[in-house]
Amino acid sequence: MAKSKTKKKKTMNQPRKPSKRERRYKFFIYLMIIIMIGSVITSGLVYIL
């Protein structure tokens, strides 16, 4: 019984590999942030010029 508990702890402590959907969402969020920063910079340049 003690052995099965230690095995469960080992599997729970292992870092879980992110699924394709999670990676896609993360990529999409980063992409949107980059686009927003780029639009803010370009609109600032237009205002200055």
N, C-alpha and C. Protein backbone atom coordinates (compact mmCIF):
# COMPACT_ATOMS: atom_id res chain seq x y z
N MET A 1 0.82 -1.19 0.00
CA MET A 1 0.00 0.00 0.00
C MET A 1 0.87 1.26 0.00
N ALA A 2 1.97 1.23 0.74
CA ALA A 2 2.86 2.39 0.79
C ALA A 2 3.51 2.64 -0.57
N LYS A 3 3.79 1.55 -1.30
CA LYS A 3 4.44 1.72 -2.61
C LYS A 3 3.51 2.42 -3.59
N SER A 4 2.24 2.08 -3.59
CA SER A 4 1.31 2.70 -4.54
C SER A 4 1.16 4.20 -4.26
N LYS A 5 1.22 4.58 -2.98
CA LYS A 5 1.13 6.01 -2.66
C LYS A 5 2.33 6.78 -3.20
N THR A 6 3.52 6.22 -3.07
CA THR A 6 4.71 6.91 -3.57
C THR A 6 4.68 7.01 -5.08
N LYS A 7 4.16 5.98 -5.75
CA LYS A 7 4.07 6.06 -7.21
C LYS A 7 3.12 7.17 -7.64
N LYS A 8 2.00 7.31 -6.95
CA LYS A 8 1.05 8.36 -7.29
C LYS A 8 1.69 9.74 -7.12
N LYS A 9 2.43 9.92 -6.03
CA LYS A 9 3.08 11.22 -5.80
C LYS A 9 4.08 11.53 -6.91
N LYS A 10 4.83 10.55 -7.35
CA LYS A 10 5.81 10.78 -8.41
C LYS A 10 5.12 11.22 -9.70
N THR A 11 4.02 10.56 -10.05
CA THR A 11 3.35 10.91 -11.29
C THR A 11 2.68 12.28 -11.17
N MET A 12 2.21 12.64 -9.99
CA MET A 12 1.55 13.93 -9.83
C MET A 12 2.56 15.07 -9.84
N ASN A 13 3.78 14.82 -9.37
CA ASN A 13 4.80 15.87 -9.33
C ASN A 13 5.46 16.10 -10.68
N GLN A 14 5.28 15.20 -11.63
CA GLN A 14 5.90 15.38 -12.94
C GLN A 14 5.24 16.55 -13.65
N PRO A 15 6.03 17.40 -14.31
CA PRO A 15 5.42 18.51 -15.06
C PRO A 15 4.61 17.97 -16.23
N ARG A 16 3.38 18.45 -16.35
CA ARG A 16 2.48 17.97 -17.40
C ARG A 16 2.78 18.70 -18.69
N LYS A 17 2.86 17.94 -19.77
CA LYS A 17 3.13 18.53 -21.08
C LYS A 17 1.87 19.25 -21.56
N PRO A 18 1.98 20.53 -21.96
CA PRO A 18 0.78 21.26 -22.40
C PRO A 18 0.21 20.67 -23.69
N SER A 19 -1.10 20.65 -23.77
CA SER A 19 -1.75 20.09 -24.96
C SER A 19 -1.62 21.07 -26.12
N LYS A 20 -1.95 20.57 -27.31
CA LYS A 20 -1.86 21.42 -28.50
C LYS A 20 -2.80 22.61 -28.38
N ARG A 21 -3.98 22.40 -27.83
CA ARG A 21 -4.95 23.49 -27.69
C ARG A 21 -4.40 24.57 -26.76
N GLU A 22 -3.80 24.17 -25.62
CA GLU A 22 -3.23 25.14 -24.69
C GLU A 22 -2.12 25.93 -25.35
N ARG A 23 -1.26 25.24 -26.10
CA ARG A 23 -0.16 25.93 -26.79
C ARG A 23 -0.70 26.91 -27.82
N ARG A 24 -1.77 26.51 -28.53
CA ARG A 24 -2.36 27.38 -29.54
C ARG A 24 -2.95 28.63 -28.90
N TYR A 25 -3.66 28.46 -27.77
CA TYR A 25 -4.22 29.62 -27.07
C TYR A 25 -3.12 30.55 -26.58
N LYS A 26 -2.04 29.98 -26.03
CA LYS A 26 -0.94 30.79 -25.53
C LYS A 26 -0.30 31.57 -26.68
N PHE A 27 -0.08 30.92 -27.80
CA PHE A 27 0.50 31.58 -28.97
C PHE A 27 -0.41 32.70 -29.44
N PHE A 28 -1.72 32.44 -29.47
CA PHE A 28 -2.67 33.45 -29.94
C PHE A 28 -2.68 34.66 -29.02
N ILE A 29 -2.61 34.43 -27.71
CA ILE A 29 -2.61 35.54 -26.76
C ILE A 29 -1.35 36.38 -26.93
N TYR A 30 -0.19 35.72 -27.05
CA TYR A 30 1.05 36.46 -27.26
C TYR A 30 1.01 37.25 -28.56
N LEU A 31 0.45 36.65 -29.60
CA LEU A 31 0.35 37.32 -30.90
C LEU A 31 -0.53 38.57 -30.78
N MET A 32 -1.65 38.47 -30.09
CA MET A 32 -2.54 39.62 -29.92
C MET A 32 -1.85 40.73 -29.13
N ILE A 33 -1.08 40.38 -28.11
CA ILE A 33 -0.35 41.39 -27.32
C ILE A 33 0.66 42.10 -28.20
N ILE A 34 1.40 41.35 -29.02
CA ILE A 34 2.40 41.96 -29.91
C ILE A 34 1.72 42.89 -30.91
N ILE A 35 0.57 42.47 -31.45
CA ILE A 35 -0.15 43.31 -32.40
C ILE A 35 -0.63 44.59 -31.72
N MET A 36 -1.13 44.49 -30.49
CA MET A 36 -1.59 45.68 -29.78
C MET A 36 -0.45 46.65 -29.51
N ILE A 37 0.70 46.12 -29.09
CA ILE A 37 1.87 46.99 -28.84
C ILE A 37 2.30 47.66 -30.13
N GLY A 38 2.34 46.90 -31.22
CA GLY A 38 2.71 47.48 -32.51
C GLY A 38 1.76 48.57 -32.95
N SER A 39 0.46 48.38 -32.75
CA SER A 39 -0.50 49.40 -33.17
C SER A 39 -0.38 50.65 -32.30
N VAL A 40 -0.08 50.48 -31.02
CA VAL A 40 0.11 51.64 -30.14
C VAL A 40 1.33 52.43 -30.59
N ILE A 41 2.41 51.74 -30.91
CA ILE A 41 3.64 52.41 -31.34
C ILE A 41 3.41 53.14 -32.66
N THR A 42 2.77 52.48 -33.61
CA THR A 42 2.56 53.13 -34.92
C THR A 42 1.59 54.30 -34.81
N SER A 43 0.56 54.19 -33.97
CA SER A 43 -0.35 55.32 -33.81
C SER A 43 0.35 56.47 -33.10
N GLY A 44 1.25 56.17 -32.21
CA GLY A 44 2.04 57.23 -31.56
C GLY A 44 2.94 57.93 -32.56
N LEU A 45 3.54 57.17 -33.46
CA LEU A 45 4.40 57.77 -34.49
C LEU A 45 3.60 58.66 -35.42
N VAL A 46 2.41 58.23 -35.77
CA VAL A 46 1.54 59.03 -36.66
C VAL A 46 1.17 60.33 -35.96
N TYR A 47 0.88 60.27 -34.66
CA TYR A 47 0.51 61.47 -33.90
C TYR A 47 1.68 62.45 -33.83
N ILE A 48 2.90 61.92 -33.64
CA ILE A 48 4.10 62.78 -33.56
C ILE A 48 4.39 63.42 -34.92
N LEU A 49 4.29 62.64 -35.98
CA LEU A 49 4.60 63.16 -37.31
C LEU A 49 3.41 63.92 -37.84
